[in-house]
Amino acid sequence: MGSFVFVLGGVRSGKSGYAAKWAEEMGGEVTFIATAEPHDEEMTERIKRHKASRPKEWNLIEESKDVDERLSKISSSGTVLIDCLGLFVSNLIAAGFSDGEIEKKIENIINQISKNDLNAIIVSNDVGSGIVPLNSLARRFRDVIGFANQKCAANADKVIVMHAGVPVVIK
């Protein structure tokens, strides 16, 4: 039976590093699904550093918009690590997806994890403790990622919030 771990935290909270260590400890083959898109030079460098920090033997899938479809093709052996849900949601918003379409994709991801009996770790940004943004796009992102985080947390076997590099198990 698969296990679903949801790792949530703010910027530079240590969530990605913690999730990667968790994936290594779960054992077996690891498939890393990276959702970042390199829109500028700084992000391109950031992605290179991220890749260099991961074990070379991990399978890499770079998928910014169709994570749910890619999950449907992964067998139940090993562990799938999706990093990160916040970038995934940003990509979908930027591509013109409606809130309903994004919510459906999040639900499909959760369903694929359960259906394929996957060991899965999803990393996401926690933006719910901040202020109400002044512009509508930022408010929309906050609302959509809030929904996505709630759905993942409700369905996960374990939920961990990272604070300054310290994991706090909340479920």
N, C-alpha and C. Protein backbone atom coordinates (compact mmCIF):
# COMPACT_ATOMS: atom_id res chain seq x y z
N MET A 1 0.84 -1.19 0.00
CA MET A 1 0.00 0.00 0.00
C MET A 1 0.88 1.24 0.00
N GLY A 2 0.56 2.22 -0.85
CA GLY A 2 1.33 3.44 -0.97
C GLY A 2 1.15 4.37 0.22
N SER A 3 2.01 5.35 0.28
CA SER A 3 2.00 6.34 1.34
C SER A 3 2.06 7.73 0.70
N PHE A 4 1.27 8.66 1.19
CA PHE A 4 1.23 10.02 0.65
C PHE A 4 1.67 10.98 1.74
N VAL A 5 2.82 11.65 1.50
CA VAL A 5 3.38 12.62 2.44
C VAL A 5 3.30 13.99 1.79
N PHE A 6 2.77 14.95 2.52
CA PHE A 6 2.62 16.33 2.04
C PHE A 6 3.52 17.22 2.87
N VAL A 7 4.46 17.91 2.20
CA VAL A 7 5.43 18.77 2.88
C VAL A 7 5.15 20.21 2.47
N LEU A 8 4.84 21.02 3.44
CA LEU A 8 4.39 22.38 3.24
C LEU A 8 5.32 23.34 3.96
N GLY A 9 5.56 24.51 3.39
CA GLY A 9 6.38 25.49 4.08
C GLY A 9 6.52 26.77 3.29
N GLY A 10 7.07 27.75 3.95
CA GLY A 10 7.32 29.04 3.31
C GLY A 10 8.58 29.00 2.47
N VAL A 11 8.91 30.14 1.91
CA VAL A 11 10.11 30.28 1.09
C VAL A 11 11.35 29.99 1.94
N ARG A 12 12.24 29.16 1.41
CA ARG A 12 13.50 28.80 2.07
C ARG A 12 13.31 28.18 3.46
N SER A 13 12.21 27.44 3.59
CA SER A 13 11.93 26.79 4.88
C SER A 13 12.63 25.45 5.01
N GLY A 14 13.20 24.93 3.90
CA GLY A 14 13.85 23.64 3.91
C GLY A 14 12.98 22.51 3.41
N LYS A 15 11.84 22.83 2.83
CA LYS A 15 10.87 21.80 2.43
C LYS A 15 11.39 20.88 1.34
N SER A 16 12.07 21.42 0.33
CA SER A 16 12.56 20.58 -0.77
C SER A 16 13.65 19.62 -0.30
N GLY A 17 14.59 20.12 0.48
CA GLY A 17 15.66 19.26 1.01
C GLY A 17 15.12 18.18 1.91
N TYR A 18 14.16 18.54 2.75
CA TYR A 18 13.55 17.56 3.65
C TYR A 18 12.82 16.48 2.85
N ALA A 19 12.06 16.91 1.84
CA ALA A 19 11.31 15.95 1.01
C ALA A 19 12.27 15.00 0.28
N ALA A 20 13.39 15.53 -0.20
CA ALA A 20 14.37 14.69 -0.90
C ALA A 20 14.96 13.65 0.05
N LYS A 21 15.27 14.03 1.27
CA LYS A 21 15.79 13.07 2.25
C LYS A 21 14.74 12.01 2.56
N TRP A 22 13.49 12.44 2.68
CA TRP A 22 12.39 11.50 2.94
C TRP A 22 12.29 10.49 1.81
N ALA A 23 12.39 10.97 0.55
CA ALA A 23 12.30 10.07 -0.61
C ALA A 23 13.43 9.05 -0.60
N GLU A 24 14.63 9.47 -0.24
CA GLU A 24 15.77 8.54 -0.16
C GLU A 24 15.52 7.49 0.90
N GLU A 25 14.97 7.90 2.04
CA GLU A 25 14.73 6.97 3.15
C GLU A 25 13.63 5.97 2.83
N MET A 26 12.69 6.34 1.95
CA MET A 26 11.61 5.42 1.59
C MET A 26 12.14 4.23 0.80
N GLY A 27 13.30 4.40 0.18
CA GLY A 27 13.93 3.31 -0.55
C GLY A 27 13.30 3.07 -1.91
N GLY A 28 13.99 2.26 -2.69
CA GLY A 28 13.51 1.95 -4.03
C GLY A 28 13.81 3.07 -5.01
N GLU A 29 13.27 2.90 -6.19
CA GLU A 29 13.47 3.87 -7.27
C GLU A 29 12.71 5.16 -6.96
N VAL A 30 13.36 6.30 -7.22
CA VAL A 30 12.71 7.60 -7.00
C VAL A 30 12.51 8.29 -8.35
N THR A 31 11.30 8.74 -8.57
CA THR A 31 10.98 9.55 -9.75
C THR A 31 10.67 10.95 -9.25
N PHE A 32 11.45 11.91 -9.72
CA PHE A 32 11.30 13.30 -9.32
C PHE A 32 10.56 14.04 -10.42
N ILE A 33 9.40 14.62 -10.09
CA ILE A 33 8.66 15.43 -11.06
C ILE A 33 8.90 16.89 -10.71
N ALA A 34 9.64 17.56 -11.58
CA ALA A 34 9.98 18.98 -11.40
C ALA A 34 8.99 19.83 -12.18
N THR A 35 8.39 20.82 -11.51
CA THR A 35 7.36 21.62 -12.16
C THR A 35 7.85 23.00 -12.59
N ALA A 36 9.09 23.35 -12.28
CA ALA A 36 9.61 24.69 -12.60
C ALA A 36 9.80 24.88 -14.10
N GLU A 37 9.54 26.09 -14.55
CA GLU A 37 9.82 26.49 -15.92
C GLU A 37 10.89 27.58 -15.89
N PRO A 38 11.93 27.44 -16.70
CA PRO A 38 13.02 28.43 -16.69
C PRO A 38 12.70 29.65 -17.56
N HIS A 39 11.98 30.61 -16.99
CA HIS A 39 11.57 31.79 -17.75
C HIS A 39 12.65 32.87 -17.83
N ASP A 40 13.66 32.77 -16.97
CA ASP A 40 14.72 33.77 -17.01
C ASP A 40 16.03 33.14 -16.56
N GLU A 41 17.10 33.90 -16.65
CA GLU A 41 18.43 33.37 -16.35
C GLU A 41 18.57 32.93 -14.88
N GLU A 42 18.00 33.71 -13.98
CA GLU A 42 18.10 33.37 -12.56
C GLU A 42 17.39 32.05 -12.27
N MET A 43 16.20 31.85 -12.87
CA MET A 43 15.47 30.60 -12.65
C MET A 43 16.19 29.44 -13.29
N THR A 44 16.81 29.66 -14.43
CA THR A 44 17.60 28.61 -15.08
C THR A 44 18.73 28.15 -14.17
N GLU A 45 19.41 29.08 -13.54
CA GLU A 45 20.49 28.75 -12.59
C GLU A 45 19.95 28.04 -11.36
N ARG A 46 18.82 28.50 -10.88
CA ARG A 46 18.18 27.88 -9.72
C ARG A 46 17.85 26.42 -10.00
N ILE A 47 17.31 26.15 -11.19
CA ILE A 47 16.97 24.78 -11.60
C ILE A 47 18.23 23.93 -11.70
N LYS A 48 19.31 24.48 -12.24
CA LYS A 48 20.58 23.74 -12.33
C LYS A 48 21.07 23.34 -10.94
N ARG A 49 21.02 24.27 -9.99
CA ARG A 49 21.46 23.97 -8.61
C ARG A 49 20.58 22.89 -7.98
N HIS A 50 19.29 22.99 -8.23
CA HIS A 50 18.35 22.00 -7.69
C HIS A 50 18.67 20.62 -8.24
N LYS A 51 18.90 20.53 -9.56
CA LYS A 51 19.23 19.24 -10.19
C LYS A 51 20.51 18.66 -9.61
N ALA A 52 21.52 19.52 -9.44
CA ALA A 52 22.82 19.07 -8.93
C ALA A 52 22.72 18.54 -7.50
N SER A 53 21.73 19.00 -6.75
CA SER A 53 21.60 18.58 -5.35
C SER A 53 20.93 17.21 -5.21
N ARG A 54 20.30 16.72 -6.29
CA ARG A 54 19.58 15.44 -6.22
C ARG A 54 20.49 14.29 -6.66
N PRO A 55 20.24 13.10 -6.12
CA PRO A 55 21.01 11.93 -6.56
C PRO A 55 20.87 11.71 -8.07
N LYS A 56 21.97 11.37 -8.70
CA LYS A 56 22.01 11.18 -10.16
C LYS A 56 21.14 10.00 -10.62
N GLU A 57 20.96 9.00 -9.75
CA GLU A 57 20.21 7.82 -10.16
C GLU A 57 18.69 8.02 -10.15
N TRP A 58 18.22 9.15 -9.65
CA TRP A 58 16.79 9.41 -9.67
C TRP A 58 16.30 9.64 -11.09
N ASN A 59 15.11 9.15 -11.38
CA ASN A 59 14.45 9.46 -12.65
C ASN A 59 13.94 10.89 -12.57
N LEU A 60 14.07 11.63 -13.65
CA LEU A 60 13.60 13.01 -13.69
C LEU A 60 12.54 13.17 -14.77
N ILE A 61 11.42 13.75 -14.36
CA ILE A 61 10.38 14.15 -15.29
C ILE A 61 10.19 15.65 -15.10
N GLU A 62 10.45 16.42 -16.15
CA GLU A 62 10.20 17.85 -16.09
C GLU A 62 8.83 18.09 -16.71
N GLU A 63 7.89 18.44 -15.87
CA GLU A 63 6.50 18.60 -16.33
C GLU A 63 5.87 19.77 -15.59
N SER A 64 5.52 20.81 -16.31
CA SER A 64 5.01 22.01 -15.67
C SER A 64 3.49 22.11 -15.63
N LYS A 65 2.79 21.36 -16.47
CA LYS A 65 1.33 21.51 -16.53
C LYS A 65 0.53 20.21 -16.49
N ASP A 66 1.11 19.10 -16.89
CA ASP A 66 0.35 17.85 -16.97
C ASP A 66 0.87 16.79 -16.01
N VAL A 67 1.09 17.21 -14.78
CA VAL A 67 1.59 16.29 -13.75
C VAL A 67 0.62 15.14 -13.56
N ASP A 68 -0.67 15.44 -13.58
CA ASP A 68 -1.68 14.38 -13.39
C ASP A 68 -1.58 13.31 -14.47
N GLU A 69 -1.37 13.72 -15.72
CA GLU A 69 -1.24 12.75 -16.81
C GLU A 69 0.04 11.94 -16.68
N ARG A 70 1.12 12.58 -16.28
CA ARG A 70 2.39 11.86 -16.12
C ARG A 70 2.30 10.84 -15.00
N LEU A 71 1.61 11.19 -13.91
CA LEU A 71 1.44 10.25 -12.80
C LEU A 71 0.69 9.00 -13.22
N SER A 72 -0.21 9.14 -14.17
CA SER A 72 -1.01 7.99 -14.59
C SER A 72 -0.15 6.92 -15.27
N LYS A 73 1.05 7.29 -15.68
CA LYS A 73 1.94 6.36 -16.38
C LYS A 73 3.05 5.79 -15.47
N ILE A 74 3.00 6.10 -14.19
CA ILE A 74 4.02 5.64 -13.25
C ILE A 74 3.48 4.45 -12.47
N SER A 75 4.29 3.39 -12.38
CA SER A 75 3.85 2.19 -11.65
C SER A 75 4.02 2.41 -10.15
N SER A 76 3.54 1.46 -9.39
CA SER A 76 3.53 1.61 -7.94
C SER A 76 4.86 1.29 -7.26
N SER A 77 5.88 0.97 -8.03
CA SER A 77 7.17 0.69 -7.39
C SER A 77 7.92 1.99 -7.13
N GLY A 78 8.58 2.05 -6.01
CA GLY A 78 9.39 3.22 -5.69
C GLY A 78 8.57 4.38 -5.17
N THR A 79 9.16 5.57 -5.29
CA THR A 79 8.59 6.79 -4.73
C THR A 79 8.55 7.88 -5.80
N VAL A 80 7.48 8.65 -5.78
CA VAL A 80 7.36 9.82 -6.65
C VAL A 80 7.42 11.06 -5.78
N LEU A 81 8.28 11.99 -6.16
CA LEU A 81 8.43 13.26 -5.44
C LEU A 81 8.06 14.38 -6.41
N ILE A 82 7.02 15.15 -6.07
CA ILE A 82 6.58 16.27 -6.89
C ILE A 82 7.00 17.56 -6.19
N ASP A 83 7.80 18.36 -6.89
CA ASP A 83 8.32 19.61 -6.30
C ASP A 83 8.24 20.70 -7.37
N CYS A 84 7.38 21.65 -7.30
CA CYS A 84 6.47 21.91 -6.21
C CYS A 84 5.10 22.30 -6.73
N LEU A 85 4.13 22.12 -5.88
CA LEU A 85 2.74 22.40 -6.22
C LEU A 85 2.52 23.89 -6.48
N GLY A 86 3.21 24.75 -5.76
CA GLY A 86 3.06 26.20 -5.97
C GLY A 86 3.46 26.62 -7.37
N LEU A 87 4.59 26.10 -7.85
CA LEU A 87 5.00 26.41 -9.23
C LEU A 87 4.03 25.81 -10.24
N PHE A 88 3.55 24.61 -9.96
CA PHE A 88 2.57 23.96 -10.83
C PHE A 88 1.33 24.84 -10.98
N VAL A 89 0.79 25.32 -9.86
CA VAL A 89 -0.39 26.19 -9.89
C VAL A 89 -0.07 27.49 -10.63
N SER A 90 1.09 28.08 -10.38
CA SER A 90 1.49 29.30 -11.09
C SER A 90 1.54 29.08 -12.59
N ASN A 91 2.11 27.95 -13.01
CA ASN A 91 2.19 27.63 -14.44
C ASN A 91 0.80 27.53 -15.07
N LEU A 92 -0.11 26.90 -14.35
CA LEU A 92 -1.47 26.73 -14.88
C LEU A 92 -2.20 28.07 -14.96
N ILE A 93 -2.05 28.91 -13.95
CA ILE A 93 -2.66 30.24 -13.99
C ILE A 93 -2.10 31.03 -15.17
N ALA A 94 -0.78 31.01 -15.32
CA ALA A 94 -0.14 31.75 -16.42
C ALA A 94 -0.57 31.23 -17.79
N ALA A 95 -0.91 29.95 -17.87
CA ALA A 95 -1.33 29.34 -19.14
C ALA A 95 -2.82 29.56 -19.43
N GLY A 96 -3.52 30.23 -18.52
CA GLY A 96 -4.92 30.56 -18.77
C GLY A 96 -5.94 29.56 -18.26
N PHE A 97 -5.51 28.60 -17.44
CA PHE A 97 -6.46 27.64 -16.88
C PHE A 97 -7.39 28.35 -15.90
N SER A 98 -8.65 27.93 -15.86
CA SER A 98 -9.60 28.47 -14.89
C SER A 98 -9.35 27.84 -13.52
N ASP A 99 -9.89 28.46 -12.49
CA ASP A 99 -9.75 27.89 -11.14
C ASP A 99 -10.33 26.48 -11.10
N GLY A 100 -11.47 26.27 -11.73
CA GLY A 100 -12.09 24.95 -11.76
C GLY A 100 -11.22 23.91 -12.45
N GLU A 101 -10.57 24.31 -13.55
CA GLU A 101 -9.68 23.39 -14.26
C GLU A 101 -8.47 23.04 -13.40
N ILE A 102 -7.95 24.03 -12.67
CA ILE A 102 -6.80 23.78 -11.80
C ILE A 102 -7.21 22.85 -10.66
N GLU A 103 -8.36 23.12 -10.06
CA GLU A 103 -8.84 22.26 -8.98
C GLU A 103 -9.00 20.82 -9.46
N LYS A 104 -9.50 20.64 -10.68
CA LYS A 104 -9.66 19.29 -11.25
C LYS A 104 -8.30 18.61 -11.41
N LYS A 105 -7.29 19.36 -11.86
CA LYS A 105 -5.95 18.78 -12.00
C LYS A 105 -5.39 18.35 -10.64
N ILE A 106 -5.62 19.15 -9.60
CA ILE A 106 -5.17 18.79 -8.25
C ILE A 106 -5.88 17.51 -7.81
N GLU A 107 -7.18 17.46 -8.01
CA GLU A 107 -7.93 16.25 -7.65
C GLU A 107 -7.44 15.04 -8.44
N ASN A 108 -7.11 15.23 -9.71
CA ASN A 108 -6.58 14.13 -10.53
C ASN A 108 -5.24 13.64 -9.99
N ILE A 109 -4.39 14.54 -9.56
CA ILE A 109 -3.10 14.14 -8.97
C ILE A 109 -3.34 13.26 -7.75
N ILE A 110 -4.22 13.71 -6.87
CA ILE A 110 -4.53 12.96 -5.65
C ILE A 110 -5.13 11.59 -6.02
N ASN A 111 -6.01 11.57 -6.99
CA ASN A 111 -6.63 10.31 -7.43
C ASN A 111 -5.60 9.36 -8.02
N GLN A 112 -4.64 9.88 -8.80
CA GLN A 112 -3.61 9.03 -9.40
C GLN A 112 -2.71 8.42 -8.32
N ILE A 113 -2.41 9.19 -7.29
CA ILE A 113 -1.59 8.68 -6.19
C ILE A 113 -2.30 7.50 -5.54
N SER A 114 -3.58 7.66 -5.28
CA SER A 114 -4.37 6.61 -4.63
C SER A 114 -4.58 5.41 -5.57
N LYS A 115 -5.00 5.69 -6.79
CA LYS A 115 -5.32 4.64 -7.76
C LYS A 115 -4.11 3.77 -8.09
N ASN A 116 -2.95 4.41 -8.27
CA ASN A 116 -1.74 3.66 -8.64
C ASN A 116 -0.98 3.16 -7.43
N ASP A 117 -1.55 3.38 -6.22
CA ASP A 117 -0.93 2.89 -5.00
C ASP A 117 0.52 3.36 -4.88
N LEU A 118 0.73 4.66 -5.15
CA LEU A 118 2.08 5.22 -5.17
C LEU A 118 2.55 5.65 -3.79
N ASN A 119 3.86 5.51 -3.55
CA ASN A 119 4.50 6.24 -2.46
C ASN A 119 4.77 7.61 -3.05
N ALA A 120 4.14 8.63 -2.50
CA ALA A 120 4.26 9.96 -3.09
C ALA A 120 4.56 11.00 -2.02
N ILE A 121 5.38 11.96 -2.44
CA ILE A 121 5.68 13.12 -1.61
C ILE A 121 5.38 14.33 -2.48
N ILE A 122 4.56 15.24 -1.97
CA ILE A 122 4.29 16.49 -2.67
C ILE A 122 4.79 17.63 -1.81
N VAL A 123 5.53 18.53 -2.44
CA VAL A 123 6.04 19.73 -1.78
C VAL A 123 5.20 20.91 -2.24
N SER A 124 4.84 21.80 -1.30
CA SER A 124 4.06 22.97 -1.68
C SER A 124 4.42 24.18 -0.84
N ASN A 125 4.05 25.34 -1.37
CA ASN A 125 4.27 26.61 -0.68
C ASN A 125 3.09 26.92 0.22
N ASP A 126 3.39 27.36 1.43
CA ASP A 126 2.36 27.84 2.34
C ASP A 126 2.35 29.35 2.25
N VAL A 127 1.28 29.90 1.69
CA VAL A 127 1.18 31.35 1.58
C VAL A 127 0.01 31.89 2.40
N GLY A 128 -0.63 31.03 3.15
CA GLY A 128 -1.83 31.41 3.89
C GLY A 128 -1.60 32.25 5.13
N SER A 129 -0.37 32.42 5.55
CA SER A 129 -0.10 33.20 6.76
C SER A 129 0.30 34.64 6.44
N GLY A 130 0.31 34.95 5.17
CA GLY A 130 0.72 36.29 4.76
C GLY A 130 -0.44 37.27 4.75
N ILE A 131 -0.16 38.45 4.22
CA ILE A 131 -1.18 39.49 4.12
C ILE A 131 -2.05 39.26 2.89
N VAL A 132 -3.16 39.96 2.82
CA VAL A 132 -4.00 39.91 1.63
C VAL A 132 -3.32 40.77 0.56
N PRO A 133 -2.93 40.16 -0.56
CA PRO A 133 -2.22 40.93 -1.59
C PRO A 133 -3.09 42.04 -2.18
N LEU A 134 -2.43 43.07 -2.70
CA LEU A 134 -3.13 44.20 -3.28
C LEU A 134 -3.68 43.92 -4.67
N ASN A 135 -3.05 42.98 -5.43
CA ASN A 135 -3.53 42.77 -6.80
C ASN A 135 -4.29 41.46 -6.93
N SER A 136 -5.16 41.43 -7.92
CA SER A 136 -6.08 40.29 -8.08
C SER A 136 -5.35 39.00 -8.46
N LEU A 137 -4.27 39.10 -9.25
CA LEU A 137 -3.54 37.89 -9.65
C LEU A 137 -2.91 37.22 -8.42
N ALA A 138 -2.31 38.01 -7.55
CA ALA A 138 -1.70 37.46 -6.33
C ALA A 138 -2.76 36.88 -5.41
N ARG A 139 -3.92 37.55 -5.31
CA ARG A 139 -5.01 37.00 -4.48
C ARG A 139 -5.52 35.70 -5.08
N ARG A 140 -5.62 35.64 -6.40
CA ARG A 140 -6.08 34.42 -7.05
C ARG A 140 -5.11 33.27 -6.77
N PHE A 141 -3.80 33.52 -6.93
CA PHE A 141 -2.82 32.47 -6.64
C PHE A 141 -2.97 32.00 -5.20
N ARG A 142 -3.06 32.94 -4.26
CA ARG A 142 -3.19 32.58 -2.84
C ARG A 142 -4.40 31.70 -2.62
N ASP A 143 -5.51 32.04 -3.25
CA ASP A 143 -6.75 31.26 -3.06
C ASP A 143 -6.63 29.87 -3.68
N VAL A 144 -6.09 29.79 -4.90
CA VAL A 144 -6.00 28.49 -5.59
C VAL A 144 -5.00 27.57 -4.89
N ILE A 145 -3.84 28.10 -4.50
CA ILE A 145 -2.86 27.24 -3.81
C ILE A 145 -3.40 26.86 -2.42
N GLY A 146 -4.18 27.73 -1.81
CA GLY A 146 -4.82 27.38 -0.54
C GLY A 146 -5.75 26.19 -0.69
N PHE A 147 -6.57 26.21 -1.75
CA PHE A 147 -7.45 25.07 -2.03
C PHE A 147 -6.62 23.81 -2.27
N ALA A 148 -5.58 23.94 -3.11
CA ALA A 148 -4.75 22.77 -3.44
C ALA A 148 -4.10 22.20 -2.19
N ASN A 149 -3.59 23.06 -1.33
CA ASN A 149 -2.96 22.59 -0.10
C ASN A 149 -3.96 21.89 0.82
N GLN A 150 -5.16 22.45 0.92
CA GLN A 150 -6.18 21.81 1.76
C GLN A 150 -6.55 20.42 1.23
N LYS A 151 -6.70 20.30 -0.09
CA LYS A 151 -7.04 19.00 -0.68
C LYS A 151 -5.92 17.98 -0.43
N CYS A 152 -4.68 18.42 -0.64
CA CYS A 152 -3.55 17.50 -0.42
C CYS A 152 -3.47 17.09 1.05
N ALA A 153 -3.57 18.06 1.94
CA ALA A 153 -3.48 17.76 3.37
C ALA A 153 -4.59 16.82 3.82
N ALA A 154 -5.78 17.02 3.31
CA ALA A 154 -6.91 16.17 3.69
C ALA A 154 -6.71 14.73 3.24
N ASN A 155 -6.01 14.53 2.13
CA ASN A 155 -5.83 13.19 1.56
C ASN A 155 -4.51 12.53 1.92
N ALA A 156 -3.57 13.31 2.43
CA ALA A 156 -2.25 12.77 2.76
C ALA A 156 -2.29 11.92 4.03
N ASP A 157 -1.40 10.95 4.08
CA ASP A 157 -1.24 10.14 5.28
C ASP A 157 -0.48 10.90 6.35
N LYS A 158 0.45 11.73 5.90
CA LYS A 158 1.26 12.52 6.81
C LYS A 158 1.43 13.92 6.23
N VAL A 159 1.30 14.95 7.08
CA VAL A 159 1.51 16.34 6.68
C VAL A 159 2.58 16.94 7.58
N ILE A 160 3.57 17.52 6.93
CA ILE A 160 4.71 18.11 7.65
C ILE A 160 4.84 19.56 7.23
N VAL A 161 4.90 20.45 8.20
CA VAL A 161 5.14 21.86 7.92
C VAL A 161 6.58 22.17 8.32
N MET A 162 7.30 22.80 7.41
CA MET A 162 8.68 23.16 7.67
C MET A 162 8.75 24.61 8.17
N HIS A 163 9.49 24.80 9.27
CA HIS A 163 9.73 26.13 9.83
C HIS A 163 11.23 26.26 10.06
N ALA A 164 11.88 27.14 9.29
CA ALA A 164 13.31 27.41 9.44
C ALA A 164 14.14 26.11 9.46
N GLY A 165 13.79 25.19 8.58
CA GLY A 165 14.51 23.94 8.47
C GLY A 165 14.11 22.87 9.46
N VAL A 166 13.12 23.15 10.27
CA VAL A 166 12.67 22.20 11.29
C VAL A 166 11.31 21.63 10.86
N PRO A 167 11.24 20.29 10.72
CA PRO A 167 9.95 19.69 10.35
C PRO A 167 9.03 19.57 11.57
N VAL A 168 7.76 19.99 11.35
CA VAL A 168 6.74 19.87 12.38
C VAL A 168 5.62 19.00 11.80
N VAL A 169 5.45 17.83 12.37
CA VAL A 169 4.39 16.92 11.90
C VAL A 169 3.06 17.41 12.45
N ILE A 170 2.12 17.70 11.54
CA ILE A 170 0.80 18.16 11.98
C ILE A 170 -0.29 17.13 11.70
N LYS A 171 0.06 16.10 10.93
CA LYS A 171 -0.88 15.00 10.69
C LYS A 171 -0.09 13.74 10.44
